[in-house]
Amino acid sequence: MKKIIFLLYLLPSLIFAQSKGKIPKTLDLLIGTYTTGTSSEGIYVYRFYTESGRVAYLSRTGGGVDNPSYLCVAPNGKYVYSVNEIGDDRKGSVSAFTFDPKVGALNLIK
């Protein structure tokens, strides 16, 4: 819980630093989760409204990807990559998604 509070405390500073002085009205938050043995369904997309502090759920990826725990967004914002942890032997894979920021939709690239 302390880590989450600390990250939320730093969020305005990170936004300001990354936006070169101009704070955007919204930010898309992509959250990777562990899916094996849980009720989680993959990557969740939320929209954070910087002026009000409100967070809105937009979408999730659903099946097809196991444990998308680490995420990276391409510099152009059109693609998202996830590291998928598979099994206890530390094997895994990488998945690529297209990202539509207008609606917050992720689509697995086959």
PDB file of N, CA and C in Angstrom:
ATOM      1  N   MET A   1       0.820  -1.192   0.000  1.00  0.00           N
ATOM      2  CA  MET A   1       0.000   0.000   0.000  1.00  0.00           C
ATOM      3  C   MET A   1       0.866   1.257   0.000  1.00  0.00           C
ATOM      4  N   LYS A   2       1.979   1.231   0.724  1.00  0.00           N
ATOM      5  CA  LYS A   2       2.853   2.395   0.770  1.00  0.00           C
ATOM      6  C   LYS A   2       3.432   2.705  -0.599  1.00  0.00           C
ATOM      7  N   LYS A   3       3.733   1.669  -1.387  1.00  0.00           N
ATOM      8  CA  LYS A   3       4.284   1.879  -2.722  1.00  0.00           C
ATOM      9  C   LYS A   3       3.269   2.570  -3.621  1.00  0.00           C
ATOM     10  N   ILE A   4       2.001   2.165  -3.538  1.00  0.00           N
ATOM     11  CA  ILE A   4       0.967   2.771  -4.366  1.00  0.00           C
ATOM     12  C   ILE A   4       0.785   4.238  -3.997  1.00  0.00           C
ATOM     13  N   ILE A   5       0.723   4.518  -2.715  1.00  0.00           N
ATOM     14  CA  ILE A   5       0.570   5.901  -2.262  1.00  0.00           C
ATOM     15  C   ILE A   5       1.762   6.735  -2.714  1.00  0.00           C
ATOM     16  N   PHE A   6       2.955   6.191  -2.610  1.00  0.00           N
ATOM     17  CA  PHE A   6       4.159   6.909  -3.025  1.00  0.00           C
ATOM     18  C   PHE A   6       4.126   7.218  -4.511  1.00  0.00           C
ATOM     19  N   LEU A   7       3.707   6.237  -5.325  1.00  0.00           N
ATOM     20  CA  LEU A   7       3.624   6.445  -6.767  1.00  0.00           C
ATOM     21  C   LEU A   7       2.571   7.492  -7.109  1.00  0.00           C
ATOM     22  N   LEU A   8       1.432   7.456  -6.431  1.00  0.00           N
ATOM     23  CA  LEU A   8       0.397   8.463  -6.683  1.00  0.00           C
ATOM     24  C   LEU A   8       0.874   9.844  -6.266  1.00  0.00           C
ATOM     25  N   TYR A   9       1.676   9.921  -5.229  1.00  0.00           N
ATOM     26  CA  TYR A   9       2.236  11.186  -4.779  1.00  0.00           C
ATOM     27  C   TYR A   9       3.178  11.762  -5.838  1.00  0.00           C
ATOM     28  N   LEU A  10       3.948  10.889  -6.494  1.00  0.00           N
ATOM     29  CA  LEU A  10       4.901  11.324  -7.512  1.00  0.00           C
ATOM     30  C   LEU A  10       4.269  11.559  -8.875  1.00  0.00           C
ATOM     31  N   LEU A  11       3.054  11.074  -9.099  1.00  0.00           N
ATOM     32  CA  LEU A  11       2.433  11.151 -10.409  1.00  0.00           C
ATOM     33  C   LEU A  11       2.404  12.561 -10.991  1.00  0.00           C
ATOM     34  N   PRO A  12       1.981  13.598 -10.263  1.00  0.00           N
ATOM     35  CA  PRO A  12       1.987  14.937 -10.868  1.00  0.00           C
ATOM     36  C   PRO A  12       3.371  15.392 -11.327  1.00  0.00           C
ATOM     37  N   SER A  13       4.416  15.061 -10.575  1.00  0.00           N
ATOM     38  CA  SER A  13       5.776  15.431 -10.969  1.00  0.00           C
ATOM     39  C   SER A  13       6.199  14.702 -12.234  1.00  0.00           C
ATOM     40  N   LEU A  14       5.852  13.425 -12.329  1.00  0.00           N
ATOM     41  CA  LEU A  14       6.205  12.641 -13.511  1.00  0.00           C
ATOM     42  C   LEU A  14       5.462  13.151 -14.741  1.00  0.00           C
ATOM     43  N   ILE A  15       4.196  13.500 -14.579  1.00  0.00           N
ATOM     44  CA  ILE A  15       3.412  14.028 -15.688  1.00  0.00           C
ATOM     45  C   ILE A  15       4.034  15.326 -16.195  1.00  0.00           C
ATOM     46  N   PHE A  16       4.353  16.215 -15.281  1.00  0.00           N
ATOM     47  CA  PHE A  16       4.917  17.505 -15.638  1.00  0.00           C
ATOM     48  C   PHE A  16       6.247  17.337 -16.361  1.00  0.00           C
ATOM     49  N   ALA A  17       7.093  16.434 -15.867  1.00  0.00           N
ATOM     50  CA  ALA A  17       8.411  16.212 -16.467  1.00  0.00           C
ATOM     51  C   ALA A  17       8.291  15.629 -17.880  1.00  0.00           C
ATOM     52  N   GLN A  18       7.373  14.701 -18.074  1.00  0.00           N
ATOM     53  CA  GLN A  18       7.248  14.052 -19.370  1.00  0.00           C
ATOM     54  C   GLN A  18       6.507  14.907 -20.394  1.00  0.00           C
ATOM     55  N   SER A  19       5.711  15.862 -19.939  1.00  0.00           N
ATOM     56  CA  SER A  19       4.937  16.669 -20.881  1.00  0.00           C
ATOM     57  C   SER A  19       5.602  17.987 -21.214  1.00  0.00           C
ATOM     58  N   LYS A  20       6.853  18.173 -20.784  1.00  0.00           N
ATOM     59  CA  LYS A  20       7.651  19.361 -21.101  1.00  0.00           C
ATOM     60  C   LYS A  20       6.962  20.647 -20.656  1.00  0.00           C
ATOM     61  N   GLY A  21       6.422  20.628 -19.456  1.00  0.00           N
ATOM     62  CA  GLY A  21       5.851  21.830 -18.881  1.00  0.00           C
ATOM     63  C   GLY A  21       4.352  21.970 -19.031  1.00  0.00           C
ATOM     64  N   LYS A  22       3.735  21.244 -19.935  1.00  0.00           N
ATOM     65  CA  LYS A  22       2.292  21.331 -20.123  1.00  0.00           C
ATOM     66  C   LYS A  22       1.642  20.035 -19.647  1.00  0.00           C
ATOM     67  N   ILE A  23       0.783  20.134 -18.653  1.00  0.00           N
ATOM     68  CA  ILE A  23       0.139  18.943 -18.109  1.00  0.00           C
ATOM     69  C   ILE A  23      -1.057  18.574 -18.985  1.00  0.00           C
ATOM     70  N   PRO A  24      -1.079  17.333 -19.508  1.00  0.00           N
ATOM     71  CA  PRO A  24      -2.210  16.913 -20.340  1.00  0.00           C
ATOM     72  C   PRO A  24      -3.481  16.763 -19.502  1.00  0.00           C
ATOM     73  N   LYS A  25      -4.632  16.835 -20.150  1.00  0.00           N
ATOM     74  CA  LYS A  25      -5.910  16.698 -19.439  1.00  0.00           C
ATOM     75  C   LYS A  25      -6.197  15.254 -19.049  1.00  0.00           C
ATOM     76  N   THR A  26      -5.687  14.294 -19.843  1.00  0.00           N
ATOM     77  CA  THR A  26      -5.883  12.879 -19.529  1.00  0.00           C
ATOM     78  C   THR A  26      -4.603  12.098 -19.769  1.00  0.00           C
ATOM     79  N   LEU A  27      -4.491  11.002 -19.070  1.00  0.00           N
ATOM     80  CA  LEU A  27      -3.401  10.042 -19.264  1.00  0.00           C
ATOM     81  C   LEU A  27      -4.013   8.657 -19.286  1.00  0.00           C
ATOM     82  N   ASP A  28      -3.534   7.800 -20.166  1.00  0.00           N
ATOM     83  CA  ASP A  28      -3.991   6.420 -20.180  1.00  0.00           C
ATOM     84  C   ASP A  28      -3.051   5.589 -19.317  1.00  0.00           C
ATOM     85  N   LEU A  29      -3.642   4.811 -18.413  1.00  0.00           N
ATOM     86  CA  LEU A  29      -2.882   3.947 -17.512  1.00  0.00           C
ATOM     87  C   LEU A  29      -3.089   2.508 -17.945  1.00  0.00           C
ATOM     88  N   LEU A  30      -1.999   1.807 -18.235  1.00  0.00           N
ATOM     89  CA  LEU A  30      -2.068   0.405 -18.627  1.00  0.00           C
ATOM     90  C   LEU A  30      -1.462  -0.417 -17.498  1.00  0.00           C
ATOM     91  N   ILE A  31      -2.211  -1.399 -17.033  1.00  0.00           N
ATOM     92  CA  ILE A  31      -1.799  -2.180 -15.873  1.00  0.00           C
ATOM     93  C   ILE A  31      -1.709  -3.646 -16.255  1.00  0.00           C
ATOM     94  N   GLY A  32      -0.503  -4.196 -16.203  1.00  0.00           N
ATOM     95  CA  GLY A  32      -0.296  -5.613 -16.466  1.00  0.00           C
ATOM     96  C   GLY A  32      -0.532  -6.407 -15.192  1.00  0.00           C
ATOM     97  N   THR A  33      -1.043  -7.628 -15.328  1.00  0.00           N
ATOM     98  CA  THR A  33      -1.377  -8.445 -14.160  1.00  0.00           C
ATOM     99  C   THR A  33      -0.927  -9.887 -14.349  1.00  0.00           C
ATOM    100  N   TYR A  34      -0.900 -10.619 -13.242  1.00  0.00           N
ATOM    101  CA  TYR A  34      -0.693 -12.060 -13.290  1.00  0.00           C
ATOM    102  C   TYR A  34      -2.054 -12.707 -13.457  1.00  0.00           C
ATOM    103  N   THR A  35      -2.170 -13.609 -14.425  1.00  0.00           N
ATOM    104  CA  THR A  35      -3.456 -14.232 -14.718  1.00  0.00           C
ATOM    105  C   THR A  35      -3.544 -15.686 -14.272  1.00  0.00           C
ATOM    106  N   THR A  36      -2.431 -16.380 -14.196  1.00  0.00           N
ATOM    107  CA  THR A  36      -2.431 -17.795 -13.847  1.00  0.00           C
ATOM    108  C   THR A  36      -2.893 -17.979 -12.408  1.00  0.00           C
ATOM    109  N   GLY A  37      -3.958 -18.744 -12.238  1.00  0.00           N
ATOM    110  CA  GLY A  37      -4.479 -19.029 -10.904  1.00  0.00           C
ATOM    111  C   GLY A  37      -5.200 -17.864 -10.248  1.00  0.00           C
ATOM    112  N   THR A  38      -5.551 -16.849 -11.020  1.00  0.00           N
ATOM    113  CA  THR A  38      -6.265 -15.688 -10.480  1.00  0.00           C
ATOM    114  C   THR A  38      -7.491 -15.399 -11.350  1.00  0.00           C
ATOM    115  N   SER A  39      -8.290 -14.448 -10.923  1.00  0.00           N
ATOM    116  CA  SER A  39      -9.442 -14.049 -11.729  1.00  0.00           C
ATOM    117  C   SER A  39      -9.110 -12.885 -12.669  1.00  0.00           C
ATOM    118  N   SER A  40      -7.862 -12.448 -12.660  1.00  0.00           N
ATOM    119  CA  SER A  40      -7.444 -11.349 -13.518  1.00  0.00           C
ATOM    120  C   SER A  40      -7.484 -11.780 -14.979  1.00  0.00           C
ATOM    121  N   GLU A  41      -7.742 -10.829 -15.868  1.00  0.00           N
ATOM    122  CA  GLU A  41      -7.894 -11.163 -17.282  1.00  0.00           C
ATOM    123  C   GLU A  41      -6.855 -10.531 -18.186  1.00  0.00           C
ATOM    124  N   GLY A  42      -5.729 -10.093 -17.657  1.00  0.00           N
ATOM    125  CA  GLY A  42      -4.669  -9.597 -18.527  1.00  0.00           C
ATOM    126  C   GLY A  42      -4.293  -8.157 -18.278  1.00  0.00           C
ATOM    127  N   ILE A  43      -4.326  -7.353 -19.336  1.00  0.00           N
ATOM    128  CA  ILE A  43      -3.941  -5.946 -19.256  1.00  0.00           C
ATOM    129  C   ILE A  43      -5.204  -5.098 -19.156  1.00  0.00           C
ATOM    130  N   TYR A  44      -5.229  -4.213 -18.179  1.00  0.00           N
ATOM    131  CA  TYR A  44      -6.367  -3.324 -17.968  1.00  0.00           C
ATOM    132  C   TYR A  44      -5.985  -1.906 -18.385  1.00  0.00           C
ATOM    133  N   VAL A  45      -6.918  -1.202 -19.002  1.00  0.00           N
ATOM    134  CA  VAL A  45      -6.679   0.172 -19.450  1.00  0.00           C
ATOM    135  C   VAL A  45      -7.644   1.097 -18.701  1.00  0.00           C
ATOM    136  N   TYR A  46      -7.076   2.124 -18.081  1.00  0.00           N
ATOM    137  CA  TYR A  46      -7.849   3.134 -17.370  1.00  0.00           C
ATOM    138  C   TYR A  46      -7.456   4.506 -17.908  1.00  0.00           C
ATOM    139  N   ARG A  47      -8.344   5.466 -17.776  1.00  0.00           N
ATOM    140  CA  ARG A  47      -8.031   6.847 -18.145  1.00  0.00           C
ATOM    141  C   ARG A  47      -8.023   7.679 -16.868  1.00  0.00           C
ATOM    142  N   PHE A  48      -6.926   8.412 -16.671  1.00  0.00           N
ATOM    143  CA  PHE A  48      -6.756   9.285 -15.516  1.00  0.00           C
ATOM    144  C   PHE A  48      -6.980  10.724 -15.964  1.00  0.00           C
ATOM    145  N   TYR A  49      -7.916  11.402 -15.310  1.00  0.00           N
ATOM    146  CA  TYR A  49      -8.226  12.802 -15.619  1.00  0.00           C
ATOM    147  C   TYR A  49      -7.439  13.678 -14.651  1.00  0.00           C
ATOM    148  N   THR A  50      -6.445  14.384 -15.173  1.00  0.00           N
ATOM    149  CA  THR A  50      -5.502  15.109 -14.319  1.00  0.00           C
ATOM    150  C   THR A  50      -6.133  16.266 -13.558  1.00  0.00           C
ATOM    151  N   GLU A  51      -7.145  16.891 -14.118  1.00  0.00           N
ATOM    152  CA  GLU A  51      -7.743  18.048 -13.450  1.00  0.00           C
ATOM    153  C   GLU A  51      -8.621  17.657 -12.269  1.00  0.00           C
ATOM    154  N   SER A  52      -9.292  16.516 -12.364  1.00  0.00           N
ATOM    155  CA  SER A  52     -10.198  16.099 -11.288  1.00  0.00           C
ATOM    156  C   SER A  52      -9.637  14.975 -10.424  1.00  0.00           C
ATOM    157  N   GLY A  53      -8.644  14.252 -10.947  1.00  0.00           N
ATOM    158  CA  GLY A  53      -8.106  13.100 -10.232  1.00  0.00           C
ATOM    159  C   GLY A  53      -8.951  11.853 -10.408  1.00  0.00           C
ATOM    160  N   ARG A  54      -9.967  11.922 -11.238  1.00  0.00           N
ATOM    161  CA  ARG A  54     -10.856  10.782 -11.481  1.00  0.00           C
ATOM    162  C   ARG A  54     -10.167   9.748 -12.370  1.00  0.00           C
ATOM    163  N   VAL A  55     -10.494   8.483 -12.144  1.00  0.00           N
ATOM    164  CA  VAL A  55      -9.980   7.383 -12.956  1.00  0.00           C
ATOM    165  C   VAL A  55     -11.173   6.623 -13.519  1.00  0.00           C
ATOM    166  N   ALA A  56     -11.146   6.329 -14.815  1.00  0.00           N
ATOM    167  CA  ALA A  56     -12.244   5.604 -15.458  1.00  0.00           C
ATOM    168  C   ALA A  56     -11.707   4.353 -16.137  1.00  0.00           C
ATOM    169  N   TYR A  57     -12.402   3.227 -15.935  1.00  0.00           N
ATOM    170  CA  TYR A  57     -12.066   1.975 -16.600  1.00  0.00           C
ATOM    171  C   TYR A  57     -12.445   2.080 -18.078  1.00  0.00           C
ATOM    172  N   LEU A  58     -11.545   1.650 -18.976  1.00  0.00           N
ATOM    173  CA  LEU A  58     -11.828   1.674 -20.413  1.00  0.00           C
ATOM    174  C   LEU A  58     -11.969   0.283 -21.011  1.00  0.00           C
ATOM    175  N   SER A  59     -10.985  -0.604 -20.747  1.00  0.00           N
ATOM    176  CA  SER A  59     -11.024  -1.922 -21.373  1.00  0.00           C
ATOM    177  C   SER A  59     -10.029  -2.874 -20.716  1.00  0.00           C
ATOM    178  N   ARG A  60     -10.047  -4.116 -21.206  1.00  0.00           N
ATOM    179  CA  ARG A  60      -9.060  -5.120 -20.802  1.00  0.00           C
ATOM    180  C   ARG A  60      -8.795  -6.026 -21.996  1.00  0.00           C
ATOM    181  N   THR A  61      -7.672  -6.746 -21.940  1.00  0.00           N
ATOM    182  CA  THR A  61      -7.302  -7.568 -23.095  1.00  0.00           C
ATOM    183  C   THR A  61      -8.059  -8.879 -23.165  1.00  0.00           C
ATOM    184  N   GLY A  62      -8.406  -9.463 -22.037  1.00  0.00           N
ATOM    185  CA  GLY A  62      -9.059 -10.766 -22.066  1.00  0.00           C
ATOM    186  C   GLY A  62      -8.043 -11.880 -22.248  1.00  0.00           C
ATOM    187  N   GLY A  63      -8.476 -13.032 -22.735  1.00  0.00           N
ATOM    188  CA  GLY A  63      -7.611 -14.199 -22.856  1.00  0.00           C
ATOM    189  C   GLY A  63      -6.546 -14.082 -23.925  1.00  0.00           C
ATOM    190  N   GLY A  64      -5.739 -15.122 -24.005  1.00  0.00           N
ATOM    191  CA  GLY A  64      -4.730 -15.186 -25.052  1.00  0.00           C
ATOM    192  C   GLY A  64      -3.318 -14.880 -24.618  1.00  0.00           C
ATOM    193  N   VAL A  65      -3.150 -14.211 -23.477  1.00  0.00           N
ATOM    194  CA  VAL A  65      -1.816 -13.863 -23.003  1.00  0.00           C
ATOM    195  C   VAL A  65      -1.729 -14.227 -21.527  1.00  0.00           C
ATOM    196  N   ASP A  66      -0.719 -15.013 -21.170  1.00  0.00           N
ATOM    197  CA  ASP A  66      -0.529 -15.410 -19.776  1.00  0.00           C
ATOM    198  C   ASP A  66       0.403 -14.453 -19.054  1.00  0.00           C
ATOM    199  N   ASN A  67      -0.031 -13.978 -17.914  1.00  0.00           N
ATOM    200  CA  ASN A  67       0.789 -13.160 -17.009  1.00  0.00           C
ATOM    201  C   ASN A  67       1.513 -11.993 -17.691  1.00  0.00           C
ATOM    202  N   PRO A  68       0.778 -11.078 -18.329  1.00  0.00           N
ATOM    203  CA  PRO A  68       1.427  -9.913 -18.948  1.00  0.00           C
ATOM    204  C   PRO A  68       1.848  -8.918 -17.865  1.00  0.00           C
ATOM    205  N   SER A  69       2.977  -9.206 -17.231  1.00  0.00           N
ATOM    206  CA  SER A  69       3.342  -8.471 -16.016  1.00  0.00           C
ATOM    207  C   SER A  69       4.126  -7.186 -16.261  1.00  0.00           C
ATOM    208  N   TYR A  70       4.921  -7.127 -17.291  1.00  0.00           N
ATOM    209  CA  TYR A  70       5.703  -5.924 -17.590  1.00  0.00           C
ATOM    210  C   TYR A  70       5.267  -5.368 -18.934  1.00  0.00           C
ATOM    211  N   LEU A  71       5.039  -4.060 -18.988  1.00  0.00           N
ATOM    212  CA  LEU A  71       4.523  -3.433 -20.199  1.00  0.00           C
ATOM    213  C   LEU A  71       5.448  -2.328 -20.680  1.00  0.00           C
ATOM    214  N   CYS A  72       5.445  -2.122 -21.984  1.00  0.00           N
ATOM    215  CA  CYS A  72       6.200  -1.028 -22.590  1.00  0.00           C
ATOM    216  C   CYS A  72       5.357  -0.456 -23.725  1.00  0.00           C
ATOM    217  N   VAL A  73       5.193   0.858 -23.724  1.00  0.00           N
ATOM    218  CA  VAL A  73       4.454   1.531 -24.786  1.00  0.00           C
ATOM    219  C   VAL A  73       5.457   2.102 -25.777  1.00  0.00           C
ATOM    220  N   ALA A  74       5.213   1.869 -27.062  1.00  0.00           N
ATOM    221  CA  ALA A  74       6.095   2.394 -28.109  1.00  0.00           C
ATOM    222  C   ALA A  74       6.089   3.922 -28.066  1.00  0.00           C
ATOM    223  N   PRO A  75       7.188   4.557 -28.460  1.00  0.00           N
ATOM    224  CA  PRO A  75       7.264   6.026 -28.440  1.00  0.00           C
ATOM    225  C   PRO A  75       6.132   6.723 -29.199  1.00  0.00           C
ATOM    226  N   ASN A  76       5.609   6.092 -30.257  1.00  0.00           N
ATOM    227  CA  ASN A  76       4.515   6.713 -31.010  1.00  0.00           C
ATOM    228  C   ASN A  76       3.152   6.488 -30.351  1.00  0.00           C
ATOM    229  N   GLY A  77       3.099   5.694 -29.274  1.00  0.00           N
ATOM    230  CA  GLY A  77       1.862   5.447 -28.535  1.00  0.00           C
ATOM    231  C   GLY A  77       0.884   4.507 -29.219  1.00  0.00           C
ATOM    232  N   LYS A  78       1.270   3.916 -30.355  1.00  0.00           N
ATOM    233  CA  LYS A  78       0.353   3.071 -31.111  1.00  0.00           C
ATOM    234  C   LYS A  78       0.493   1.581 -30.815  1.00  0.00           C
ATOM    235  N   TYR A  79       1.553   1.212 -30.102  1.00  0.00           N
ATOM    236  CA  TYR A  79       1.800  -0.198 -29.808  1.00  0.00           C
ATOM    237  C   TYR A  79       2.157  -0.375 -28.338  1.00  0.00           C
ATOM    238  N   VAL A  80       1.776  -1.536 -27.809  1.00  0.00           N
ATOM    239  CA  VAL A  80       2.112  -1.902 -26.434  1.00  0.00           C
ATOM    240  C   VAL A  80       2.709  -3.294 -26.483  1.00  0.00           C
ATOM    241  N   TYR A  81       3.787  -3.489 -25.743  1.00  0.00           N
ATOM    242  CA  TYR A  81       4.453  -4.783 -25.672  1.00  0.00           C
ATOM    243  C   TYR A  81       4.369  -5.281 -24.243  1.00  0.00           C
ATOM    244  N   SER A  82       4.120  -6.587 -24.082  1.00  0.00           N
ATOM    245  CA  SER A  82       4.068  -7.164 -22.743  1.00  0.00           C
ATOM    246  C   SER A  82       5.033  -8.335 -22.642  1.00  0.00           C
ATOM    247  N   VAL A  83       5.664  -8.443 -21.492  1.00  0.00           N
ATOM    248  CA  VAL A  83       6.483  -9.610 -21.165  1.00  0.00           C
ATOM    249  C   VAL A  83       5.553 -10.567 -20.433  1.00  0.00           C
ATOM    250  N   ASN A  84       5.465 -11.793 -20.926  1.00  0.00           N
ATOM    251  CA  ASN A  84       4.550 -12.784 -20.374  1.00  0.00           C
ATOM    252  C   ASN A  84       5.353 -13.852 -19.637  1.00  0.00           C
ATOM    253  N   GLU A  85       5.160 -13.932 -18.356  1.00  0.00           N
ATOM    254  CA  GLU A  85       5.873 -14.920 -17.545  1.00  0.00           C
ATOM    255  C   GLU A  85       5.112 -16.236 -17.585  1.00  0.00           C
ATOM    256  N   ILE A  86       5.803 -17.293 -18.004  1.00  0.00           N
ATOM    257  CA  ILE A  86       5.156 -18.585 -18.166  1.00  0.00           C
ATOM    258  C   ILE A  86       5.892 -19.636 -17.347  1.00  0.00           C
ATOM    259  N   GLY A  87       5.200 -20.253 -16.401  1.00  0.00           N
ATOM    260  CA  GLY A  87       5.749 -21.353 -15.624  1.00  0.00           C
ATOM    261  C   GLY A  87       6.775 -20.947 -14.594  1.00  0.00           C
ATOM    262  N   ASP A  88       7.190 -21.950 -13.807  1.00  0.00           N
ATOM    263  CA  ASP A  88       8.150 -21.726 -12.731  1.00  0.00           C
ATOM    264  C   ASP A  88       9.593 -21.728 -13.216  1.00  0.00           C
ATOM    265  N   ASP A  89       9.836 -22.158 -14.445  1.00  0.00           N
ATOM    266  CA  ASP A  89      11.204 -22.256 -14.946  1.00  0.00           C
ATOM    267  C   ASP A  89      11.689 -20.947 -15.578  1.00  0.00           C
ATOM    268  N   ARG A  90      10.968 -19.854 -15.335  1.00  0.00           N
ATOM    269  CA  ARG A  90      11.345 -18.506 -15.783  1.00  0.00           C
ATOM    270  C   ARG A  90      11.351 -18.340 -17.302  1.00  0.00           C
ATOM    271  N   LYS A  91      10.642 -19.215 -17.997  1.00  0.00           N
ATOM    272  CA  LYS A  91      10.495 -19.026 -19.436  1.00  0.00           C
ATOM    273  C   LYS A  91       9.374 -18.040 -19.669  1.00  0.00           C
ATOM    274  N   GLY A  92       9.351 -17.444 -20.827  1.00  0.00           N
ATOM    275  CA  GLY A  92       8.297 -16.489 -21.117  1.00  0.00           C
ATOM    276  C   GLY A  92       8.237 -16.149 -22.579  1.00  0.00           C
ATOM    277  N   SER A  93       7.481 -15.127 -22.862  1.00  0.00           N
ATOM    278  CA  SER A  93       7.334 -14.668 -24.233  1.00  0.00           C
ATOM    279  C   SER A  93       7.031 -13.175 -24.218  1.00  0.00           C
ATOM    280  N   VAL A  94       6.958 -12.605 -25.397  1.00  0.00           N
ATOM    281  CA  VAL A  94       6.607 -11.199 -25.550  1.00  0.00           C
ATOM    282  C   VAL A  94       5.410 -11.129 -26.493  1.00  0.00           C
ATOM    283  N   SER A  95       4.437 -10.307 -26.144  1.00  0.00           N
ATOM    284  CA  SER A  95       3.274 -10.100 -26.996  1.00  0.00           C
ATOM    285  C   SER A  95       3.228  -8.645 -27.437  1.00  0.00           C
ATOM    286  N   ALA A  96       2.697  -8.415 -28.620  1.00  0.00           N
ATOM    287  CA  ALA A  96       2.551  -7.056 -29.147  1.00  0.00           C
ATOM    288  C   ALA A  96       1.074  -6.775 -29.384  1.00  0.00           C
ATOM    289  N   PHE A  97       0.669  -5.554 -29.070  1.00  0.00           N
ATOM    290  CA  PHE A  97      -0.705  -5.120 -29.229  1.00  0.00           C
ATOM    291  C   PHE A  97      -0.734  -3.795 -29.966  1.00  0.00           C
ATOM    292  N   THR A  98      -1.792  -3.568 -30.741  1.00  0.00           N
ATOM    293  CA  THR A  98      -2.052  -2.214 -31.221  1.00  0.00           C
ATOM    294  C   THR A  98      -2.840  -1.529 -30.120  1.00  0.00           C
ATOM    295  N   PHE A  99      -2.687  -0.207 -30.018  1.00  0.00           N
ATOM    296  CA  PHE A  99      -3.391   0.549 -28.994  1.00  0.00           C
ATOM    297  C   PHE A  99      -4.123   1.712 -29.639  1.00  0.00           C
ATOM    298  N   ASP A 100      -5.421   1.785 -29.398  1.00  0.00           N
ATOM    299  CA  ASP A 100      -6.242   2.887 -29.898  1.00  0.00           C
ATOM    300  C   ASP A 100      -6.544   3.815 -28.726  1.00  0.00           C
ATOM    301  N   PRO A 101      -5.822   4.935 -28.610  1.00  0.00           N
ATOM    302  CA  PRO A 101      -5.999   5.810 -27.455  1.00  0.00           C
ATOM    303  C   PRO A 101      -7.357   6.518 -27.408  1.00  0.00           C
ATOM    304  N   LYS A 102      -8.056   6.605 -28.525  1.00  0.00           N
ATOM    305  CA  LYS A 102      -9.377   7.264 -28.509  1.00  0.00           C
ATOM    306  C   LYS A 102     -10.356   6.512 -27.619  1.00  0.00           C
ATOM    307  N   VAL A 103     -10.311   5.184 -27.677  1.00  0.00           N
ATOM    308  CA  VAL A 103     -11.231   4.369 -26.879  1.00  0.00           C
ATOM    309  C   VAL A 103     -10.509   3.504 -25.848  1.00  0.00           C
ATOM    310  N   GLY A 104      -9.186   3.525 -25.862  1.00  0.00           N
ATOM    311  CA  GLY A 104      -8.397   2.742 -24.903  1.00  0.00           C
ATOM    312  C   GLY A 104      -8.404   1.256 -25.191  1.00  0.00           C
ATOM    313  N   ALA A 105      -8.504   0.878 -26.450  1.00  0.00           N
ATOM    314  CA  ALA A 105      -8.589  -0.542 -26.834  1.00  0.00           C
ATOM    315  C   ALA A 105      -7.216  -1.109 -27.179  1.00  0.00           C
ATOM    316  N   LEU A 106      -6.941  -2.283 -26.660  1.00  0.00           N
ATOM    317  CA  LEU A 106      -5.759  -3.063 -27.012  1.00  0.00           C
ATOM    318  C   LEU A 106      -6.183  -4.244 -27.854  1.00  0.00           C
ATOM    319  N   ASN A 107      -5.462  -4.507 -28.946  1.00  0.00           N
ATOM    320  CA  ASN A 107      -5.738  -5.659 -29.792  1.00  0.00           C
ATOM    321  C   ASN A 107      -4.455  -6.421 -30.030  1.00  0.00           C
ATOM    322  N   LEU A 108      -4.480  -7.700 -29.685  1.00  0.00           N
ATOM    323  CA  LEU A 108      -3.320  -8.560 -29.857  1.00  0.00           C
ATOM    324  C   LEU A 108      -2.983  -8.691 -31.341  1.00  0.00           C
ATOM    325  N   ILE A 109      -1.716  -8.495 -31.672  1.00  0.00           N
ATOM    326  CA  ILE A 109      -1.246  -8.683 -33.051  1.00  0.00           C
ATOM    327  C   ILE A 109      -0.897 -10.153 -33.202  1.00  0.00           C
ATOM    328  N   LYS A 110      -1.466 -10.807 -34.161  1.00  0.00           N
ATOM    329  CA  LYS A 110      -1.234 -12.248 -34.333  1.00  0.00           C
ATOM    330  C   LYS A 110      -0.068 -12.496 -35.244  1.00  0.00           C
TER     331      LYS A 110
END
